[in-house]
Protein backbone atom coordinates (compact mmCIF):
# COMPACT_ATOMS: atom_id res chain seq x y z
CA MET A 1 40.55 200.27 -94.56
CA PHE A 2 39.02 201.86 -97.61
CA ARG A 3 40.71 202.29 -100.95
CA VAL A 4 40.45 205.93 -102.09
CA ILE A 5 39.84 206.32 -105.83
CA VAL A 6 40.13 209.83 -107.28
CA HIS A 7 38.37 210.72 -110.56
CA ARG A 8 40.76 212.09 -113.19
CA LYS A 9 39.10 215.55 -113.22
CA ALA A 10 39.36 215.78 -109.44
CA LEU A 11 43.00 214.72 -109.68
CA GLY A 12 43.64 217.46 -112.24
CA LYS A 13 42.14 220.05 -109.89
CA ILE A 14 44.28 218.78 -106.99
CA ASN A 15 47.42 219.00 -109.14
CA SER A 16 46.64 222.62 -110.07
CA MET A 17 46.31 223.80 -106.43
CA LEU A 18 48.83 225.74 -104.44
CA ALA A 19 51.21 223.52 -102.48
CA LYS A 20 49.71 224.22 -99.02
CA ASP A 21 46.14 223.61 -100.22
CA LYS A 22 47.20 220.50 -102.11
CA ARG A 23 48.83 219.10 -98.96
CA ARG A 24 45.67 219.71 -96.89
CA VAL A 25 43.43 218.01 -99.44
CA LEU A 26 45.79 215.05 -99.86
CA ASP A 27 45.98 214.64 -96.07
CA ALA A 28 42.17 214.64 -95.91
CA LEU A 29 41.98 212.02 -98.68
CA LYS A 30 44.50 209.87 -96.83
CA ALA A 31 42.41 210.13 -93.63
CA MET A 32 39.32 209.09 -95.59
CA GLY A 33 41.05 205.75 -96.22
CA SER A 34 40.62 204.86 -92.55
CA ASP A 35 37.28 206.59 -91.90
CA PRO A 36 35.44 208.28 -94.80
CA PHE A 37 33.13 210.13 -92.42
CA SER A 38 35.79 211.74 -90.23
CA GLY A 39 36.08 215.51 -90.35
CA ASP A 40 33.40 217.92 -91.53
CA VAL A 41 31.27 215.58 -93.69
CA LYS A 42 27.66 216.16 -94.69
CA PRO A 43 25.38 214.69 -97.36
CA ILE A 44 24.79 216.84 -100.43
CA LYS A 45 21.10 217.66 -100.72
CA GLY A 46 19.47 216.37 -103.89
CA LEU A 47 22.20 213.81 -104.60
CA ARG A 48 21.49 210.51 -102.91
CA GLY A 49 24.58 208.77 -101.56
CA VAL A 50 26.92 211.68 -102.32
CA PHE A 51 28.71 213.43 -99.47
CA ARG A 52 30.96 216.44 -99.18
CA ARG A 53 33.93 217.02 -96.92
CA ARG A 54 35.11 220.53 -96.11
CA VAL A 55 38.87 221.07 -96.31
CA GLY A 56 39.53 224.78 -95.71
CA ASP A 57 38.13 226.71 -98.69
CA TYR A 58 37.82 223.50 -100.71
CA ARG A 59 35.09 220.89 -100.85
CA VAL A 60 35.50 217.22 -101.74
CA ALA A 61 32.47 215.34 -103.13
CA PHE A 62 32.59 211.58 -102.70
CA THR A 63 30.59 208.36 -102.48
CA VAL A 64 31.29 205.29 -100.38
CA ASN A 65 30.98 201.73 -101.64
CA PHE A 66 30.96 199.62 -98.49
CA GLY A 67 30.76 196.33 -100.42
CA ALA A 68 34.06 196.97 -102.18
CA SER A 69 35.55 199.09 -99.34
CA GLU A 70 36.07 202.04 -101.69
CA VAL A 71 35.77 205.79 -101.39
CA VAL A 72 35.29 207.39 -104.82
CA VAL A 73 36.21 211.09 -104.98
CA LEU A 74 34.03 212.68 -107.65
CA LYS A 75 34.96 216.36 -107.48
CA VAL A 76 37.27 218.76 -105.69
CA GLY A 77 36.72 222.51 -105.90
CA ARG A 78 36.49 225.83 -104.14
CA ARG A 79 33.28 226.49 -102.29
CA GLU A 80 32.21 229.38 -104.53
CA LYS A 81 31.69 227.19 -107.62
CA PHE A 82 31.53 223.71 -106.11
CA TYR A 83 27.78 223.35 -105.55
CA ALA A 84 26.81 224.96 -108.86
CA GLU A 85 29.08 222.60 -110.81
CA ILE A 86 28.12 219.38 -109.07
């Protein structure tokens, strides 16, 4: 089991989402506690050790610390602006 840690800015974005989108993202974060690489996960080019998970129109950027069994969620955002802002 991994502990999922969400950055405060990512948490603010999640809280501002519509209810159905918020539920999908929270379900994905919960699933990442058991297996961070389940679902549509790919590394982000140019950022070593940073991955993204696709959740509908949203993307979740995260890193995995295997030593501490932690998944750190860095950013959550819509696809249109996600890659430019990260």
